[in-house]
Amino acid sequence: MFENLKNFICNYVEAAPEEITETSRFSEDLGFNSYDFVSMLGDAEDEFGIEIDQEEAARKKTVGELTAYFEEISA
């Protein structure tokens, strides 16, 4: 899931997949604003076939935290 999410994130920010780590923070390191993040979550539901709780996902500050959340809800 982490590799898929990294590649997916690159559709929203100007970062190469190899620059994104599990500790990359969405706003501070990757430059997401709240609109970009919410847009990405909406598209991620379709891309990964999951139903995301927007409030729960908003608490995730790093790519690793969001990856773990996606894995949890897709199990």
PDB file of N, CA and C in Angstrom:
ATOM      1  N   MET A   1       0.831  -1.198   0.000  1.00  0.00           N
ATOM      2  CA  MET A   1       0.000   0.000   0.000  1.00  0.00           C
ATOM      3  C   MET A   1       0.872   1.256   0.000  1.00  0.00           C
ATOM      4  N   PHE A   2       1.994   1.218   0.723  1.00  0.00           N
ATOM      5  CA  PHE A   2       2.852   2.402   0.802  1.00  0.00           C
ATOM      6  C   PHE A   2       3.336   2.838  -0.583  1.00  0.00           C
ATOM      7  N   GLU A   3       3.812   1.904  -1.385  1.00  0.00           N
ATOM      8  CA  GLU A   3       4.301   2.251  -2.729  1.00  0.00           C
ATOM      9  C   GLU A   3       3.173   2.822  -3.591  1.00  0.00           C
ATOM     10  N   ASN A   4       2.001   2.229  -3.507  1.00  0.00           N
ATOM     11  CA  ASN A   4       0.856   2.728  -4.271  1.00  0.00           C
ATOM     12  C   ASN A   4       0.479   4.137  -3.821  1.00  0.00           C
ATOM     13  N   LEU A   5       0.488   4.346  -2.513  1.00  0.00           N
ATOM     14  CA  LEU A   5       0.127   5.666  -1.996  1.00  0.00           C
ATOM     15  C   LEU A   5       1.162   6.715  -2.390  1.00  0.00           C
ATOM     16  N   LYS A   6       2.431   6.366  -2.347  1.00  0.00           N
ATOM     17  CA  LYS A   6       3.479   7.311  -2.765  1.00  0.00           C
ATOM     18  C   LYS A   6       3.243   7.772  -4.195  1.00  0.00           C
ATOM     19  N   ASN A   7       3.024   6.831  -5.088  1.00  0.00           N
ATOM     20  CA  ASN A   7       2.792   7.182  -6.492  1.00  0.00           C
ATOM     21  C   ASN A   7       1.524   8.010  -6.648  1.00  0.00           C
ATOM     22  N   PHE A   8       0.502   7.697  -5.879  1.00  0.00           N
ATOM     23  CA  PHE A   8      -0.756   8.429  -5.921  1.00  0.00           C
ATOM     24  C   PHE A   8      -0.548   9.873  -5.447  1.00  0.00           C
ATOM     25  N   ILE A   9       0.212  10.054  -4.389  1.00  0.00           N
ATOM     26  CA  ILE A   9       0.489  11.392  -3.846  1.00  0.00           C
ATOM     27  C   ILE A   9       1.153  12.282  -4.892  1.00  0.00           C
ATOM     28  N   CYS A  10       1.969  11.703  -5.729  1.00  0.00           N
ATOM     29  CA  CYS A  10       2.685  12.485  -6.745  1.00  0.00           C
ATOM     30  C   CYS A  10       1.747  13.151  -7.743  1.00  0.00           C
ATOM     31  N   ASN A  11       0.496  12.720  -7.800  1.00  0.00           N
ATOM     32  CA  ASN A  11      -0.490  13.374  -8.652  1.00  0.00           C
ATOM     33  C   ASN A  11      -0.932  14.716  -8.075  1.00  0.00           C
ATOM     34  N   TYR A  12      -0.634  14.951  -6.813  1.00  0.00           N
ATOM     35  CA  TYR A  12      -1.134  16.135  -6.116  1.00  0.00           C
ATOM     36  C   TYR A  12      -0.059  17.139  -5.731  1.00  0.00           C
ATOM     37  N   VAL A  13       1.170  16.691  -5.626  1.00  0.00           N
ATOM     38  CA  VAL A  13       2.263  17.592  -5.247  1.00  0.00           C
ATOM     39  C   VAL A  13       3.449  17.356  -6.166  1.00  0.00           C
ATOM     40  N   GLU A  14       4.324  18.315  -6.205  1.00  0.00           N
ATOM     41  CA  GLU A  14       5.516  18.195  -7.041  1.00  0.00           C
ATOM     42  C   GLU A  14       6.632  17.537  -6.246  1.00  0.00           C
ATOM     43  N   ALA A  15       6.526  16.222  -6.133  1.00  0.00           N
ATOM     44  CA  ALA A  15       7.544  15.427  -5.443  1.00  0.00           C
ATOM     45  C   ALA A  15       7.692  14.124  -6.204  1.00  0.00           C
ATOM     46  N   ALA A  16       8.915  13.647  -6.288  1.00  0.00           N
ATOM     47  CA  ALA A  16       9.174  12.358  -6.918  1.00  0.00           C
ATOM     48  C   ALA A  16       8.909  11.256  -5.896  1.00  0.00           C
ATOM     49  N   PRO A  17       8.439  10.100  -6.347  1.00  0.00           N
ATOM     50  CA  PRO A  17       8.147   9.019  -5.392  1.00  0.00           C
ATOM     51  C   PRO A  17       9.317   8.691  -4.476  1.00  0.00           C
ATOM     52  N   GLU A  18      10.537   8.757  -4.993  1.00  0.00           N
ATOM     53  CA  GLU A  18      11.692   8.416  -4.159  1.00  0.00           C
ATOM     54  C   GLU A  18      11.962   9.450  -3.067  1.00  0.00           C
ATOM     55  N   GLU A  19      11.350  10.621  -3.166  1.00  0.00           N
ATOM     56  CA  GLU A  19      11.503  11.654  -2.138  1.00  0.00           C
ATOM     57  C   GLU A  19      10.514  11.479  -0.988  1.00  0.00           C
ATOM     58  N   ILE A  20       9.503  10.651  -1.181  1.00  0.00           N
ATOM     59  CA  ILE A  20       8.449  10.478  -0.184  1.00  0.00           C
ATOM     60  C   ILE A  20       8.784   9.278   0.697  1.00  0.00           C
ATOM     61  N   THR A  21       8.803   9.521   2.004  1.00  0.00           N
ATOM     62  CA  THR A  21       9.070   8.456   2.968  1.00  0.00           C
ATOM     63  C   THR A  21       7.864   8.311   3.890  1.00  0.00           C
ATOM     64  N   GLU A  22       7.903   7.295   4.738  1.00  0.00           N
ATOM     65  CA  GLU A  22       6.807   7.099   5.683  1.00  0.00           C
ATOM     66  C   GLU A  22       6.728   8.239   6.691  1.00  0.00           C
ATOM     67  N   THR A  23       7.824   8.933   6.913  1.00  0.00           N
ATOM     68  CA  THR A  23       7.814  10.042   7.876  1.00  0.00           C
ATOM     69  C   THR A  23       7.558  11.396   7.219  1.00  0.00           C
ATOM     70  N   SER A  24       7.347  11.419   5.907  1.00  0.00           N
ATOM     71  CA  SER A  24       7.026  12.672   5.221  1.00  0.00           C
ATOM     72  C   SER A  24       5.696  13.201   5.745  1.00  0.00           C
ATOM     73  N   ARG A  25       5.697  14.465   6.151  1.00  0.00           N
ATOM     74  CA  ARG A  25       4.476  15.104   6.643  1.00  0.00           C
ATOM     75  C   ARG A  25       3.779  15.781   5.464  1.00  0.00           C
ATOM     76  N   PHE A  26       2.463  15.656   5.439  1.00  0.00           N
ATOM     77  CA  PHE A  26       1.708  16.150   4.287  1.00  0.00           C
ATOM     78  C   PHE A  26       1.871  17.650   4.063  1.00  0.00           C
ATOM     79  N   SER A  27       1.655  18.451   5.077  1.00  0.00           N
ATOM     80  CA  SER A  27       1.732  19.898   4.840  1.00  0.00           C
ATOM     81  C   SER A  27       3.161  20.420   4.924  1.00  0.00           C
ATOM     82  N   GLU A  28       3.895  20.042   5.948  1.00  0.00           N
ATOM     83  CA  GLU A  28       5.231  20.608   6.151  1.00  0.00           C
ATOM     84  C   GLU A  28       6.248  20.145   5.116  1.00  0.00           C
ATOM     85  N   ASP A  29       6.230  18.858   4.773  1.00  0.00           N
ATOM     86  CA  ASP A  29       7.242  18.309   3.868  1.00  0.00           C
ATOM     87  C   ASP A  29       6.791  18.236   2.413  1.00  0.00           C
ATOM     88  N   LEU A  30       5.511  17.950   2.198  1.00  0.00           N
ATOM     89  CA  LEU A  30       5.033  17.731   0.828  1.00  0.00           C
ATOM     90  C   LEU A  30       4.257  18.918   0.264  1.00  0.00           C
ATOM     91  N   GLY A  31       3.903  19.882   1.099  1.00  0.00           N
ATOM     92  CA  GLY A  31       3.250  21.093   0.613  1.00  0.00           C
ATOM     93  C   GLY A  31       1.757  20.989   0.383  1.00  0.00           C
ATOM     94  N   PHE A  32       1.106  20.004   0.975  1.00  0.00           N
ATOM     95  CA  PHE A  32      -0.351  19.900   0.847  1.00  0.00           C
ATOM     96  C   PHE A  32      -1.013  21.036   1.612  1.00  0.00           C
ATOM     97  N   ASN A  33      -2.074  21.596   1.033  1.00  0.00           N
ATOM     98  CA  ASN A  33      -2.955  22.455   1.813  1.00  0.00           C
ATOM     99  C   ASN A  33      -4.204  21.620   2.105  1.00  0.00           C
ATOM    100  N   SER A  34      -5.106  22.131   2.902  1.00  0.00           N
ATOM    101  CA  SER A  34      -6.255  21.314   3.318  1.00  0.00           C
ATOM    102  C   SER A  34      -7.131  20.916   2.131  1.00  0.00           C
ATOM    103  N   TYR A  35      -7.276  21.795   1.155  1.00  0.00           N
ATOM    104  CA  TYR A  35      -8.080  21.468  -0.021  1.00  0.00           C
ATOM    105  C   TYR A  35      -7.446  20.318  -0.808  1.00  0.00           C
ATOM    106  N   ASP A  36      -6.140  20.390  -1.027  1.00  0.00           N
ATOM    107  CA  ASP A  36      -5.445  19.320  -1.753  1.00  0.00           C
ATOM    108  C   ASP A  36      -5.594  17.982  -1.038  1.00  0.00           C
ATOM    109  N   PHE A  37      -5.464  18.013   0.290  1.00  0.00           N
ATOM    110  CA  PHE A  37      -5.532  16.789   1.071  1.00  0.00           C
ATOM    111  C   PHE A  37      -6.917  16.158   0.973  1.00  0.00           C
ATOM    112  N   VAL A  38      -7.963  16.964   1.121  1.00  0.00           N
ATOM    113  CA  VAL A  38      -9.335  16.457   1.040  1.00  0.00           C
ATOM    114  C   VAL A  38      -9.622  15.939  -0.369  1.00  0.00           C
ATOM    115  N   SER A  39      -9.146  16.640  -1.381  1.00  0.00           N
ATOM    116  CA  SER A  39      -9.322  16.178  -2.763  1.00  0.00           C
ATOM    117  C   SER A  39      -8.645  14.833  -2.971  1.00  0.00           C
ATOM    118  N   MET A  40      -7.424  14.701  -2.438  1.00  0.00           N
ATOM    119  CA  MET A  40      -6.702  13.446  -2.568  1.00  0.00           C
ATOM    120  C   MET A  40      -7.463  12.307  -1.887  1.00  0.00           C
ATOM    121  N   LEU A  41      -8.019  12.573  -0.697  1.00  0.00           N
ATOM    122  CA  LEU A  41      -8.759  11.530   0.010  1.00  0.00           C
ATOM    123  C   LEU A  41      -9.972  11.074  -0.793  1.00  0.00           C
ATOM    124  N   GLY A  42     -10.679  12.018  -1.391  1.00  0.00           N
ATOM    125  CA  GLY A  42     -11.840  11.657  -2.208  1.00  0.00           C
ATOM    126  C   GLY A  42     -11.449  10.785  -3.382  1.00  0.00           C
ATOM    127  N   ASP A  43     -10.386  11.146  -4.043  1.00  0.00           N
ATOM    128  CA  ASP A  43      -9.914  10.349  -5.175  1.00  0.00           C
ATOM    129  C   ASP A  43      -9.360   9.000  -4.718  1.00  0.00           C
ATOM    130  N   ALA A  44      -8.770   8.963  -3.518  1.00  0.00           N
ATOM    131  CA  ALA A  44      -8.209   7.714  -2.991  1.00  0.00           C
ATOM    132  C   ALA A  44      -9.307   6.687  -2.744  1.00  0.00           C
ATOM    133  N   GLU A  45     -10.493   7.143  -2.366  1.00  0.00           N
ATOM    134  CA  GLU A  45     -11.605   6.206  -2.176  1.00  0.00           C
ATOM    135  C   GLU A  45     -11.870   5.434  -3.458  1.00  0.00           C
ATOM    136  N   ASP A  46     -11.892   6.133  -4.578  1.00  0.00           N
ATOM    137  CA  ASP A  46     -12.124   5.481  -5.872  1.00  0.00           C
ATOM    138  C   ASP A  46     -10.927   4.633  -6.286  1.00  0.00           C
ATOM    139  N   GLU A  47      -9.735   5.184  -6.128  1.00  0.00           N
ATOM    140  CA  GLU A  47      -8.512   4.508  -6.568  1.00  0.00           C
ATOM    141  C   GLU A  47      -8.276   3.197  -5.827  1.00  0.00           C
ATOM    142  N   PHE A  48      -8.485   3.216  -4.510  1.00  0.00           N
ATOM    143  CA  PHE A  48      -8.162   2.053  -3.693  1.00  0.00           C
ATOM    144  C   PHE A  48      -9.383   1.249  -3.258  1.00  0.00           C
ATOM    145  N   GLY A  49     -10.584   1.703  -3.645  1.00  0.00           N
ATOM    146  CA  GLY A  49     -11.806   0.971  -3.317  1.00  0.00           C
ATOM    147  C   GLY A  49     -12.075   0.905  -1.820  1.00  0.00           C
ATOM    148  N   ILE A  50     -11.864   2.028  -1.126  1.00  0.00           N
ATOM    149  CA  ILE A  50     -12.063   2.081   0.318  1.00  0.00           C
ATOM    150  C   ILE A  50     -12.999   3.232   0.662  1.00  0.00           C
ATOM    151  N   GLU A  51     -13.578   3.163   1.861  1.00  0.00           N
ATOM    152  CA  GLU A  51     -14.420   4.253   2.344  1.00  0.00           C
ATOM    153  C   GLU A  51     -13.678   4.936   3.480  1.00  0.00           C
ATOM    154  N   ILE A  52     -13.344   6.202   3.295  1.00  0.00           N
ATOM    155  CA  ILE A  52     -12.491   6.943   4.217  1.00  0.00           C
ATOM    156  C   ILE A  52     -13.334   7.825   5.122  1.00  0.00           C
ATOM    157  N   ASP A  53     -13.058   7.756   6.420  1.00  0.00           N
ATOM    158  CA  ASP A  53     -13.634   8.689   7.387  1.00  0.00           C
ATOM    159  C   ASP A  53     -12.771   9.952   7.312  1.00  0.00           C
ATOM    160  N   GLN A  54     -13.330  11.022   6.763  1.00  0.00           N
ATOM    161  CA  GLN A  54     -12.557  12.247   6.520  1.00  0.00           C
ATOM    162  C   GLN A  54     -11.936  12.803   7.813  1.00  0.00           C
ATOM    163  N   GLU A  55     -12.685  12.766   8.905  1.00  0.00           N
ATOM    164  CA  GLU A  55     -12.160  13.290  10.169  1.00  0.00           C
ATOM    165  C   GLU A  55     -10.997  12.444  10.676  1.00  0.00           C
ATOM    166  N   GLU A  56     -11.135  11.129  10.586  1.00  0.00           N
ATOM    167  CA  GLU A  56     -10.055  10.238  11.019  1.00  0.00           C
ATOM    168  C   GLU A  56      -8.825  10.435  10.136  1.00  0.00           C
ATOM    169  N   ALA A  57      -9.016  10.505   8.840  1.00  0.00           N
ATOM    170  CA  ALA A  57      -7.894  10.679   7.916  1.00  0.00           C
ATOM    171  C   ALA A  57      -7.200  12.019   8.142  1.00  0.00           C
ATOM    172  N   ALA A  58      -7.964  13.045   8.492  1.00  0.00           N
ATOM    173  CA  ALA A  58      -7.382  14.376   8.723  1.00  0.00           C
ATOM    174  C   ALA A  58      -6.433  14.387   9.918  1.00  0.00           C
ATOM    175  N   ARG A  59      -6.579  13.422  10.822  1.00  0.00           N
ATOM    176  CA  ARG A  59      -5.672  13.342  11.976  1.00  0.00           C
ATOM    177  C   ARG A  59      -4.319  12.746  11.604  1.00  0.00           C
ATOM    178  N   LYS A  60      -4.227  12.170  10.430  1.00  0.00           N
ATOM    179  CA  LYS A  60      -2.979  11.532   9.996  1.00  0.00           C
ATOM    180  C   LYS A  60      -2.049  12.607   9.454  1.00  0.00           C
ATOM    181  N   LYS A  61      -0.892  12.728  10.044  1.00  0.00           N
ATOM    182  CA  LYS A  61       0.036  13.795   9.675  1.00  0.00           C
ATOM    183  C   LYS A  61       1.150  13.330   8.746  1.00  0.00           C
ATOM    184  N   THR A  62       1.421  12.014   8.718  1.00  0.00           N
ATOM    185  CA  THR A  62       2.507  11.510   7.870  1.00  0.00           C
ATOM    186  C   THR A  62       1.977  10.487   6.877  1.00  0.00           C
ATOM    187  N   VAL A  63       2.768  10.242   5.859  1.00  0.00           N
ATOM    188  CA  VAL A  63       2.403   9.254   4.844  1.00  0.00           C
ATOM    189  C   VAL A  63       2.283   7.869   5.490  1.00  0.00           C
ATOM    190  N   GLY A  64       3.167   7.568   6.430  1.00  0.00           N
ATOM    191  CA  GLY A  64       3.110   6.280   7.116  1.00  0.00           C
ATOM    192  C   GLY A  64       1.832   6.099   7.911  1.00  0.00           C
ATOM    193  N   GLU A  65       1.393   7.143   8.601  1.00  0.00           N
ATOM    194  CA  GLU A  65       0.142   7.075   9.365  1.00  0.00           C
ATOM    195  C   GLU A  65      -1.043   6.852   8.444  1.00  0.00           C
ATOM    196  N   LEU A  66      -1.062   7.548   7.307  1.00  0.00           N
ATOM    197  CA  LEU A  66      -2.171   7.385   6.367  1.00  0.00           C
ATOM    198  C   LEU A  66      -2.122   6.002   5.716  1.00  0.00           C
ATOM    199  N   THR A  67      -0.928   5.506   5.428  1.00  0.00           N
ATOM    200  CA  THR A  67      -0.785   4.164   4.875  1.00  0.00           C
ATOM    201  C   THR A  67      -1.367   3.129   5.835  1.00  0.00           C
ATOM    202  N   ALA A  68      -1.013   3.240   7.111  1.00  0.00           N
ATOM    203  CA  ALA A  68      -1.519   2.295   8.120  1.00  0.00           C
ATOM    204  C   ALA A  68      -3.046   2.373   8.208  1.00  0.00           C
ATOM    205  N   TYR A  69      -3.585   3.577   8.148  1.00  0.00           N
ATOM    206  CA  TYR A  69      -5.042   3.749   8.182  1.00  0.00           C
ATOM    207  C   TYR A  69      -5.685   3.107   6.959  1.00  0.00           C
ATOM    208  N   PHE A  70      -5.155   3.330   5.787  1.00  0.00           N
ATOM    209  CA  PHE A  70      -5.691   2.733   4.566  1.00  0.00           C
ATOM    210  C   PHE A  70      -5.635   1.202   4.640  1.00  0.00           C
ATOM    211  N   GLU A  71      -4.539   0.659   5.146  1.00  0.00           N
ATOM    212  CA  GLU A  71      -4.411  -0.796   5.275  1.00  0.00           C
ATOM    213  C   GLU A  71      -5.453  -1.337   6.247  1.00  0.00           C
ATOM    214  N   GLU A  72      -5.684  -0.594   7.321  1.00  0.00           N
ATOM    215  CA  GLU A  72      -6.660  -1.021   8.333  1.00  0.00           C
ATOM    216  C   GLU A  72      -8.077  -1.072   7.760  1.00  0.00           C
ATOM    217  N   ILE A  73      -8.459  -0.041   7.020  1.00  0.00           N
ATOM    218  CA  ILE A  73      -9.843  -0.007   6.512  1.00  0.00           C
ATOM    219  C   ILE A  73     -10.043  -0.851   5.256  1.00  0.00           C
ATOM    220  N   SER A  74      -8.961  -1.271   4.630  1.00  0.00           N
ATOM    221  CA  SER A  74      -9.120  -2.104   3.428  1.00  0.00           C
ATOM    222  C   SER A  74      -9.023  -3.582   3.749  1.00  0.00           C
ATOM    223  N   ALA A  75      -8.747  -3.908   5.002  1.00  0.00           N
ATOM    224  CA  ALA A  75      -8.601  -5.329   5.393  1.00  0.00           C
ATOM    225  C   ALA A  75      -9.947  -6.005   5.509  1.00  0.00           C
TER     226      ALA A  75
END
